[in-house]
Amino acid sequence: MDLRLFQQMNKLSGQISPVDHSMIFISKRLRYVYLIVIVMLLFKNRKNKRIALETGSSVLISVIVQFFIKLFYAKPRPFQKRRVGILIPSKMDSSFPSKHTILAFAASTSILLFHRKLGTIMMWMSALTGFSRIWVDHHYPSDILGSALLGSLISLVTRIVSFSKFGNNPESS
């Protein structure tokens, strides 16, 4: 099913220029929106500073987890195993996990736990980021789904650890 879904998307990739350009932009640039949101939260007030620090912790832990998974697990990217055209250049490292997706979902989930509206918007942006990574032919759908779950889980664990250390109120730290 994973391969079939990838192949269906791959048939469309490269065929619809405005969509291709949008997916390339999302894949390459949307991650900076997460950074801007975290920085804005950091400087807004004490409550939001705590949220930004927790979100930053989730993102940092996600980078470390992603690094170690790629160190010990190698899954060829779709274009390495099959003849598919890629829309933008890619690293030749393992396809799982997707760094773009794991970081997007780690940040989004952390913010969603505190800010429903902003977090929901960011979760949709994370889903678009993951979708774009499949569209540009860098990842399989299972890579994206696994990365999304992993990033969200890391954020939830970070929240639990932070809750046990500082309590429910972000202002209490």
N, C-alpha and C. Protein backbone atom coordinates (compact mmCIF):
# COMPACT_ATOMS: atom_id res chain seq x y z
N MET A 1 0.82 -1.19 0.00
CA MET A 1 0.00 0.00 0.00
C MET A 1 0.87 1.26 0.00
N ASP A 2 1.96 1.24 0.76
CA ASP A 2 2.87 2.37 0.83
C ASP A 2 3.41 2.72 -0.56
N LEU A 3 3.90 1.70 -1.26
CA LEU A 3 4.45 1.91 -2.59
C LEU A 3 3.37 2.36 -3.57
N ARG A 4 2.21 1.77 -3.48
CA ARG A 4 1.11 2.13 -4.38
C ARG A 4 0.70 3.60 -4.21
N LEU A 5 0.58 4.03 -2.96
CA LEU A 5 0.23 5.42 -2.69
C LEU A 5 1.32 6.36 -3.20
N PHE A 6 2.57 6.00 -2.96
CA PHE A 6 3.68 6.81 -3.46
C PHE A 6 3.63 6.91 -4.99
N GLN A 7 3.40 5.79 -5.66
CA GLN A 7 3.36 5.78 -7.12
C GLN A 7 2.22 6.64 -7.66
N GLN A 8 1.07 6.63 -6.98
CA GLN A 8 -0.05 7.46 -7.42
C GLN A 8 0.31 8.94 -7.32
N MET A 9 0.97 9.32 -6.23
CA MET A 9 1.38 10.71 -6.08
C MET A 9 2.48 11.05 -7.07
N ASN A 10 3.38 10.11 -7.32
CA ASN A 10 4.48 10.35 -8.23
C ASN A 10 4.00 10.59 -9.66
N LYS A 11 2.87 10.00 -10.03
CA LYS A 11 2.30 10.24 -11.36
C LYS A 11 1.90 11.71 -11.54
N LEU A 12 1.48 12.35 -10.46
CA LEU A 12 1.06 13.75 -10.52
C LEU A 12 2.23 14.72 -10.37
N SER A 13 3.23 14.30 -9.60
CA SER A 13 4.40 15.15 -9.36
C SER A 13 5.09 15.44 -10.68
N GLY A 14 5.36 16.72 -10.91
CA GLY A 14 6.02 17.13 -12.14
C GLY A 14 5.06 17.41 -13.28
N GLN A 15 3.76 17.23 -13.05
CA GLN A 15 2.77 17.42 -14.10
C GLN A 15 1.99 18.72 -13.97
N ILE A 16 1.90 19.26 -12.76
CA ILE A 16 1.09 20.46 -12.51
C ILE A 16 2.02 21.52 -11.93
N SER A 17 2.53 22.37 -12.78
CA SER A 17 3.57 23.32 -12.41
C SER A 17 3.24 24.18 -11.18
N PRO A 18 2.05 24.78 -11.07
CA PRO A 18 1.78 25.59 -9.87
C PRO A 18 1.80 24.76 -8.58
N VAL A 19 1.32 23.54 -8.65
CA VAL A 19 1.34 22.67 -7.47
C VAL A 19 2.78 22.27 -7.16
N ASP A 20 3.56 21.94 -8.18
CA ASP A 20 4.97 21.60 -7.98
C ASP A 20 5.72 22.74 -7.29
N HIS A 21 5.53 23.96 -7.78
CA HIS A 21 6.21 25.11 -7.18
C HIS A 21 5.76 25.32 -5.74
N SER A 22 4.49 25.13 -5.47
CA SER A 22 3.98 25.26 -4.09
C SER A 22 4.58 24.20 -3.19
N MET A 23 4.65 22.97 -3.66
CA MET A 23 5.20 21.88 -2.86
C MET A 23 6.69 22.08 -2.60
N ILE A 24 7.40 22.58 -3.59
CA ILE A 24 8.83 22.86 -3.41
C ILE A 24 9.00 23.96 -2.36
N PHE A 25 8.21 25.01 -2.46
CA PHE A 25 8.27 26.10 -1.48
C PHE A 25 7.97 25.58 -0.08
N ILE A 26 6.89 24.81 0.05
CA ILE A 26 6.51 24.26 1.35
C ILE A 26 7.62 23.37 1.89
N SER A 27 8.16 22.51 1.05
CA SER A 27 9.19 21.58 1.46
C SER A 27 10.46 22.28 1.92
N LYS A 28 10.83 23.35 1.24
CA LYS A 28 12.09 24.03 1.53
C LYS A 28 11.97 25.18 2.53
N ARG A 29 10.83 25.86 2.57
CA ARG A 29 10.76 27.12 3.31
C ARG A 29 9.79 27.17 4.49
N LEU A 30 8.79 26.32 4.51
CA LEU A 30 7.77 26.41 5.56
C LEU A 30 8.35 26.20 6.96
N ARG A 31 9.45 25.47 7.03
CA ARG A 31 10.06 25.20 8.34
C ARG A 31 10.48 26.49 9.06
N TYR A 32 10.75 27.53 8.31
CA TYR A 32 11.15 28.79 8.93
C TYR A 32 9.99 29.46 9.68
N VAL A 33 8.77 29.14 9.29
CA VAL A 33 7.61 29.67 10.01
C VAL A 33 7.60 29.14 11.44
N TYR A 34 7.96 27.86 11.62
CA TYR A 34 8.01 27.28 12.97
C TYR A 34 9.04 28.03 13.82
N LEU A 35 10.18 28.32 13.24
CA LEU A 35 11.22 29.05 13.96
C LEU A 35 10.74 30.44 14.34
N ILE A 36 10.07 31.12 13.43
CA ILE A 36 9.55 32.47 13.71
C ILE A 36 8.53 32.42 14.84
N VAL A 37 7.64 31.43 14.82
CA VAL A 37 6.63 31.30 15.88
C VAL A 37 7.30 31.06 17.23
N ILE A 38 8.28 30.19 17.27
CA ILE A 38 8.97 29.90 18.53
C ILE A 38 9.68 31.15 19.05
N VAL A 39 10.35 31.87 18.17
CA VAL A 39 11.04 33.10 18.59
C VAL A 39 10.05 34.15 19.08
N MET A 40 8.91 34.28 18.39
CA MET A 40 7.89 35.24 18.83
C MET A 40 7.35 34.86 20.21
N LEU A 41 7.12 33.58 20.44
CA LEU A 41 6.65 33.14 21.76
C LEU A 41 7.71 33.41 22.83
N LEU A 42 8.95 33.22 22.46
CA LEU A 42 10.05 33.40 23.40
C LEU A 42 10.12 34.82 23.94
N PHE A 43 9.79 35.80 23.10
CA PHE A 43 9.92 37.19 23.52
C PHE A 43 8.59 37.86 23.89
N LYS A 44 7.49 37.11 23.86
CA LYS A 44 6.18 37.72 24.09
C LYS A 44 5.93 38.00 25.59
N ASN A 45 5.91 36.97 26.40
CA ASN A 45 5.74 37.14 27.85
C ASN A 45 6.26 35.88 28.55
N ARG A 46 6.21 35.88 29.86
CA ARG A 46 6.79 34.79 30.63
C ARG A 46 6.12 33.45 30.32
N LYS A 47 4.79 33.44 30.23
CA LYS A 47 4.06 32.20 29.94
C LYS A 47 4.49 31.65 28.58
N ASN A 48 4.52 32.50 27.58
CA ASN A 48 4.89 32.06 26.24
C ASN A 48 6.37 31.70 26.14
N LYS A 49 7.20 32.31 26.96
CA LYS A 49 8.62 31.96 26.98
C LYS A 49 8.78 30.51 27.42
N ARG A 50 8.04 30.11 28.41
CA ARG A 50 8.07 28.73 28.90
C ARG A 50 7.60 27.77 27.80
N ILE A 51 6.55 28.15 27.07
CA ILE A 51 6.04 27.33 25.98
C ILE A 51 7.10 27.22 24.87
N ALA A 52 7.75 28.33 24.56
CA ALA A 52 8.79 28.33 23.52
C ALA A 52 9.96 27.45 23.93
N LEU A 53 10.34 27.50 25.19
CA LEU A 53 11.45 26.66 25.66
C LEU A 53 11.08 25.18 25.61
N GLU A 54 9.85 24.86 25.98
CA GLU A 54 9.41 23.46 25.91
C GLU A 54 9.35 22.99 24.45
N THR A 55 8.86 23.86 23.57
CA THR A 55 8.80 23.53 22.15
C THR A 55 10.21 23.34 21.60
N GLY A 56 11.11 24.23 21.96
CA GLY A 56 12.50 24.10 21.53
C GLY A 56 13.13 22.82 22.02
N SER A 57 12.80 22.42 23.25
CA SER A 57 13.31 21.15 23.79
C SER A 57 12.80 19.97 22.98
N SER A 58 11.52 20.00 22.63
CA SER A 58 10.94 18.92 21.82
C SER A 58 11.62 18.83 20.46
N VAL A 59 11.86 19.98 19.87
CA VAL A 59 12.52 20.01 18.55
C VAL A 59 13.95 19.49 18.66
N LEU A 60 14.68 19.91 19.69
CA LEU A 60 16.05 19.46 19.88
C LEU A 60 16.10 17.94 20.11
N ILE A 61 15.24 17.44 20.95
CA ILE A 61 15.19 15.99 21.19
C ILE A 61 14.85 15.26 19.90
N SER A 62 13.96 15.82 19.09
CA SER A 62 13.58 15.20 17.81
C SER A 62 14.77 15.13 16.86
N VAL A 63 15.59 16.18 16.84
CA VAL A 63 16.80 16.18 16.00
C VAL A 63 17.74 15.05 16.43
N ILE A 64 17.90 14.91 17.74
CA ILE A 64 18.80 13.87 18.27
C ILE A 64 18.25 12.48 17.95
N VAL A 65 16.96 12.27 18.18
CA VAL A 65 16.34 10.97 17.88
C VAL A 65 16.47 10.66 16.39
N GLN A 66 16.17 11.64 15.55
CA GLN A 66 16.26 11.46 14.10
C GLN A 66 17.68 11.09 13.70
N PHE A 67 18.67 11.75 14.27
CA PHE A 67 20.07 11.46 13.97
C PHE A 67 20.42 10.02 14.29
N PHE A 68 20.03 9.56 15.48
CA PHE A 68 20.38 8.20 15.90
C PHE A 68 19.62 7.14 15.10
N ILE A 69 18.39 7.40 14.76
CA ILE A 69 17.66 6.44 13.93
C ILE A 69 18.36 6.29 12.59
N LYS A 70 18.73 7.41 11.98
CA LYS A 70 19.40 7.35 10.66
C LYS A 70 20.77 6.71 10.76
N LEU A 71 21.40 6.80 11.93
CA LEU A 71 22.71 6.20 12.14
C LEU A 71 22.63 4.67 12.10
N PHE A 72 21.52 4.12 12.63
CA PHE A 72 21.40 2.68 12.76
C PHE A 72 20.39 2.03 11.81
N TYR A 73 19.62 2.83 11.10
CA TYR A 73 18.59 2.28 10.20
C TYR A 73 18.69 2.98 8.85
N ALA A 74 18.88 2.18 7.82
CA ALA A 74 19.01 2.75 6.47
C ALA A 74 17.87 2.25 5.59
N LYS A 75 17.06 3.17 5.13
CA LYS A 75 15.98 2.86 4.19
C LYS A 75 16.21 3.73 2.96
N PRO A 76 16.40 3.11 1.80
CA PRO A 76 16.66 3.91 0.58
C PRO A 76 15.50 4.86 0.27
N ARG A 77 15.87 6.04 -0.19
CA ARG A 77 14.85 7.00 -0.62
C ARG A 77 14.21 6.47 -1.91
N PRO A 78 13.00 6.92 -2.19
CA PRO A 78 12.29 6.41 -3.38
C PRO A 78 13.07 6.53 -4.68
N PHE A 79 13.76 7.64 -4.87
CA PHE A 79 14.48 7.83 -6.13
C PHE A 79 15.75 6.99 -6.20
N GLN A 80 16.21 6.44 -5.07
CA GLN A 80 17.38 5.57 -5.08
C GLN A 80 17.01 4.15 -5.50
N LYS A 81 15.78 3.78 -5.22
CA LYS A 81 15.33 2.42 -5.47
C LYS A 81 14.55 2.29 -6.77
N ARG A 82 13.93 3.38 -7.21
CA ARG A 82 13.07 3.36 -8.38
C ARG A 82 13.41 4.51 -9.31
N ARG A 83 12.98 4.38 -10.51
CA ARG A 83 13.18 5.47 -11.48
C ARG A 83 12.03 6.47 -11.33
N VAL A 84 12.28 7.47 -10.54
CA VAL A 84 11.32 8.56 -10.38
C VAL A 84 12.07 9.87 -10.52
N GLY A 85 11.39 10.85 -11.01
CA GLY A 85 12.00 12.17 -11.12
C GLY A 85 11.80 12.94 -9.83
N ILE A 86 12.87 13.52 -9.33
CA ILE A 86 12.74 14.34 -8.12
C ILE A 86 12.65 15.81 -8.53
N LEU A 87 11.89 16.57 -7.79
CA LEU A 87 11.69 17.98 -8.12
C LEU A 87 12.81 18.88 -7.60
N ILE A 88 13.43 18.48 -6.50
CA ILE A 88 14.55 19.23 -5.93
C ILE A 88 15.61 18.24 -5.46
N PRO A 89 16.87 18.66 -5.43
CA PRO A 89 17.93 17.75 -4.98
C PRO A 89 17.70 17.27 -3.54
N SER A 90 18.23 16.11 -3.24
CA SER A 90 18.06 15.53 -1.91
C SER A 90 19.36 14.90 -1.44
N LYS A 91 19.47 14.77 -0.13
CA LYS A 91 20.58 14.01 0.44
C LYS A 91 20.37 12.55 0.08
N MET A 92 21.41 11.79 0.18
CA MET A 92 21.33 10.37 -0.15
C MET A 92 21.24 9.51 1.11
N ASP A 93 20.89 10.11 2.24
CA ASP A 93 20.79 9.36 3.48
C ASP A 93 19.47 8.59 3.55
N SER A 94 19.20 8.00 4.68
CA SER A 94 18.00 7.18 4.87
C SER A 94 16.72 8.00 4.70
N SER A 95 15.72 7.34 4.16
CA SER A 95 14.43 7.98 3.93
C SER A 95 13.64 8.15 5.23
N PHE A 96 13.89 7.27 6.21
CA PHE A 96 13.17 7.34 7.48
C PHE A 96 14.14 7.64 8.60
N PRO A 97 13.78 8.54 9.49
CA PRO A 97 12.62 9.43 9.47
C PRO A 97 12.90 10.69 8.67
N SER A 98 11.85 11.35 8.28
CA SER A 98 11.94 12.62 7.57
C SER A 98 12.21 13.72 8.59
N LYS A 99 13.37 14.37 8.46
CA LYS A 99 13.73 15.42 9.42
C LYS A 99 12.74 16.58 9.36
N HIS A 100 12.35 16.99 8.16
CA HIS A 100 11.40 18.09 8.02
C HIS A 100 10.10 17.77 8.78
N THR A 101 9.62 16.56 8.60
CA THR A 101 8.33 16.17 9.18
C THR A 101 8.41 15.97 10.69
N ILE A 102 9.44 15.31 11.17
CA ILE A 102 9.55 15.06 12.61
C ILE A 102 9.67 16.39 13.37
N LEU A 103 10.44 17.34 12.82
CA LEU A 103 10.60 18.63 13.48
C LEU A 103 9.31 19.44 13.42
N ALA A 104 8.63 19.40 12.29
CA ALA A 104 7.36 20.14 12.15
C ALA A 104 6.33 19.64 13.15
N PHE A 105 6.19 18.33 13.26
CA PHE A 105 5.20 17.78 14.19
C PHE A 105 5.62 17.93 15.65
N ALA A 106 6.90 17.90 15.93
CA ALA A 106 7.36 18.14 17.31
C ALA A 106 6.98 19.55 17.74
N ALA A 107 7.26 20.52 16.89
CA ALA A 107 6.92 21.92 17.22
C ALA A 107 5.41 22.12 17.29
N SER A 108 4.70 21.62 16.31
CA SER A 108 3.24 21.81 16.26
C SER A 108 2.53 21.18 17.45
N THR A 109 2.92 19.97 17.78
CA THR A 109 2.27 19.29 18.90
C THR A 109 2.52 20.03 20.20
N SER A 110 3.76 20.47 20.41
CA SER A 110 4.08 21.22 21.63
C SER A 110 3.22 22.48 21.74
N ILE A 111 3.10 23.20 20.66
CA ILE A 111 2.32 24.43 20.69
C ILE A 111 0.83 24.13 20.82
N LEU A 112 0.37 23.07 20.17
CA LEU A 112 -1.04 22.67 20.26
C LEU A 112 -1.46 22.38 21.70
N LEU A 113 -0.55 21.87 22.51
CA LEU A 113 -0.87 21.56 23.91
C LEU A 113 -1.18 22.81 24.74
N PHE A 114 -0.75 23.97 24.25
CA PHE A 114 -0.98 25.22 24.98
C PHE A 114 -1.90 26.19 24.26
N HIS A 115 -1.76 26.27 22.95
CA HIS A 115 -2.52 27.22 22.13
C HIS A 115 -3.30 26.44 21.08
N ARG A 116 -4.58 26.21 21.33
CA ARG A 116 -5.42 25.41 20.43
C ARG A 116 -5.44 25.94 19.00
N LYS A 117 -5.72 27.24 18.87
CA LYS A 117 -5.87 27.82 17.53
C LYS A 117 -4.55 27.81 16.76
N LEU A 118 -3.51 28.36 17.37
CA LEU A 118 -2.20 28.41 16.73
C LEU A 118 -1.67 27.00 16.48
N GLY A 119 -1.85 26.12 17.45
CA GLY A 119 -1.39 24.74 17.30
C GLY A 119 -2.10 24.01 16.18
N THR A 120 -3.40 24.25 16.03
CA THR A 120 -4.16 23.61 14.95
C THR A 120 -3.65 24.09 13.58
N ILE A 121 -3.42 25.38 13.47
CA ILE A 121 -2.88 25.91 12.21
C ILE A 121 -1.52 25.28 11.92
N MET A 122 -0.70 25.19 12.94
CA MET A 122 0.63 24.61 12.75
C MET A 122 0.57 23.12 12.44
N MET A 123 -0.41 22.41 12.99
CA MET A 123 -0.56 20.99 12.66
C MET A 123 -0.91 20.82 11.18
N TRP A 124 -1.78 21.68 10.66
CA TRP A 124 -2.10 21.64 9.23
C TRP A 124 -0.86 21.95 8.39
N MET A 125 -0.05 22.90 8.86
CA MET A 125 1.19 23.21 8.15
C MET A 125 2.14 22.01 8.19
N SER A 126 2.16 21.30 9.31
CA SER A 126 3.01 20.11 9.43
C SER A 126 2.55 19.02 8.46
N ALA A 127 1.23 18.84 8.37
CA ALA A 127 0.70 17.85 7.43
C ALA A 127 1.08 18.22 6.00
N LEU A 128 0.99 19.50 5.68
CA LEU A 128 1.40 19.97 4.35
C LEU A 128 2.89 19.74 4.12
N THR A 129 3.69 19.96 5.14
CA THR A 129 5.13 19.72 5.03
C THR A 129 5.39 18.25 4.70
N GLY A 130 4.75 17.36 5.44
CA GLY A 130 4.91 15.94 5.17
C GLY A 130 4.46 15.56 3.77
N PHE A 131 3.29 16.05 3.38
CA PHE A 131 2.76 15.78 2.05
C PHE A 131 3.73 16.28 0.97
N SER A 132 4.30 17.45 1.19
CA SER A 132 5.23 18.02 0.20
C SER A 132 6.48 17.16 0.05
N ARG A 133 6.91 16.53 1.14
CA ARG A 133 8.10 15.68 1.08
C ARG A 133 7.85 14.43 0.23
N ILE A 134 6.61 13.95 0.23
CA ILE A 134 6.26 12.84 -0.66
C ILE A 134 6.16 13.38 -2.09
N TRP A 135 5.53 14.52 -2.26
CA TRP A 135 5.31 15.11 -3.59
C TRP A 135 6.62 15.35 -4.34
N VAL A 136 7.66 15.82 -3.61
CA VAL A 136 8.95 16.08 -4.26
C VAL A 136 9.77 14.80 -4.41
N ASP A 137 9.17 13.68 -4.04
CA ASP A 137 9.74 12.34 -4.24
C ASP A 137 10.95 12.03 -3.36
N HIS A 138 10.96 12.59 -2.14
CA HIS A 138 12.05 12.32 -1.21
C HIS A 138 11.70 11.25 -0.19
N HIS A 139 10.39 11.01 0.04
CA HIS A 139 9.98 10.07 1.08
C HIS A 139 8.76 9.28 0.65
N TYR A 140 8.62 8.12 1.26
CA TYR A 140 7.42 7.30 1.12
C TYR A 140 6.38 7.78 2.13
N PRO A 141 5.11 7.52 1.89
CA PRO A 141 4.08 7.90 2.88
C PRO A 141 4.33 7.33 4.27
N SER A 142 4.84 6.10 4.37
CA SER A 142 5.11 5.52 5.69
C SER A 142 6.21 6.28 6.43
N ASP A 143 7.17 6.83 5.69
CA ASP A 143 8.22 7.65 6.32
C ASP A 143 7.60 8.88 6.98
N ILE A 144 6.65 9.48 6.27
CA ILE A 144 6.01 10.70 6.76
C ILE A 144 5.11 10.40 7.95
N LEU A 145 4.32 9.35 7.83
CA LEU A 145 3.43 8.97 8.93
C LEU A 145 4.23 8.62 10.18
N GLY A 146 5.28 7.82 10.01
CA GLY A 146 6.13 7.45 11.14
C GLY A 146 6.82 8.66 11.77
N SER A 147 7.29 9.56 10.94
CA SER A 147 7.96 10.77 11.43
C SER A 147 6.98 11.68 12.17
N ALA A 148 5.77 11.79 11.65
CA ALA A 148 4.73 12.60 12.31
C ALA A 148 4.40 12.02 13.69
N LEU A 149 4.23 10.72 13.75
CA LEU A 149 3.93 10.08 15.04
C LEU A 149 5.09 10.23 16.01
N LEU A 150 6.30 10.06 15.52
CA LEU A 150 7.49 10.17 16.36
C LEU A 150 7.65 11.60 16.90
N GLY A 151 7.50 12.60 16.05
CA GLY A 151 7.61 14.00 16.49
C GLY A 151 6.55 14.35 17.51
N SER A 152 5.32 13.91 17.28
CA SER A 152 4.23 14.17 18.22
C SER A 152 4.46 13.46 19.54
N LEU A 153 4.91 12.22 19.48
CA LEU A 153 5.18 11.45 20.70
C LEU A 153 6.29 12.09 21.52
N ILE A 154 7.33 12.54 20.85
CA ILE A 154 8.44 13.22 21.57
C ILE A 154 7.92 14.47 22.28
N SER A 155 7.05 15.21 21.63
CA SER A 155 6.47 16.41 22.26
C SER A 155 5.61 16.05 23.46
N LEU A 156 4.82 14.99 23.34
CA LEU A 156 3.98 14.57 24.46
C LEU A 156 4.83 14.12 25.65
N VAL A 157 5.89 13.38 25.38
CA VAL A 157 6.78 12.94 26.46
C VAL A 157 7.48 14.15 27.09
N THR A 158 7.90 15.09 26.26
CA THR A 158 8.51 16.32 26.78
C THR A 158 7.53 17.07 27.68
N ARG A 159 6.26 17.13 27.28
CA ARG A 159 5.22 17.80 28.07
C ARG A 159 5.03 17.08 29.40
N ILE A 160 5.01 15.75 29.38
CA ILE A 160 4.82 14.97 30.62
C ILE A 160 5.99 15.21 31.57
N VAL A 161 7.20 15.18 31.05
CA VAL A 161 8.38 15.41 31.89
C VAL A 161 8.36 16.84 32.43
N SER A 162 8.02 17.79 31.58
CA SER A 162 7.95 19.19 32.01
C SER A 162 6.84 19.38 33.05
N PHE A 163 5.70 18.72 32.85
CA PHE A 163 4.58 18.81 33.78
C PHE A 163 4.98 18.26 35.15
N SER A 164 5.68 17.12 35.14
CA SER A 164 6.07 16.53 36.42
C SER A 164 7.12 17.38 37.13
N LYS A 165 7.89 18.14 36.36
CA LYS A 165 8.93 18.96 36.97
C LYS A 165 8.41 20.34 37.38
N PHE A 166 7.58 20.95 36.52
CA PHE A 166 7.17 22.34 36.76
C PHE A 166 5.68 22.51 37.05
N GLY A 167 4.89 21.47 36.88
CA GLY A 167 3.46 21.60 37.09
C GLY A 167 2.74 22.03 35.82
N ASN A 168 1.44 22.15 35.89
CA ASN A 168 0.60 22.42 34.72
C ASN A 168 0.73 23.86 34.22
N ASN A 169 0.95 24.80 35.10
CA ASN A 169 0.95 26.20 34.74
C ASN A 169 2.32 26.62 34.21
N PRO A 170 2.42 27.03 32.94
CA PRO A 170 3.70 27.48 32.40
C PRO A 170 4.28 28.69 33.14
N GLU A 171 3.45 29.45 33.85
CA GLU A 171 3.94 30.61 34.57
C GLU A 171 4.64 30.23 35.88
N SER A 172 4.49 28.96 36.32
CA SER A 172 5.03 28.55 37.60
C SER A 172 6.52 28.31 37.58
N SER A 173 7.13 28.25 36.40
CA SER A 173 8.56 27.98 36.33
C SER A 173 9.37 29.25 36.40
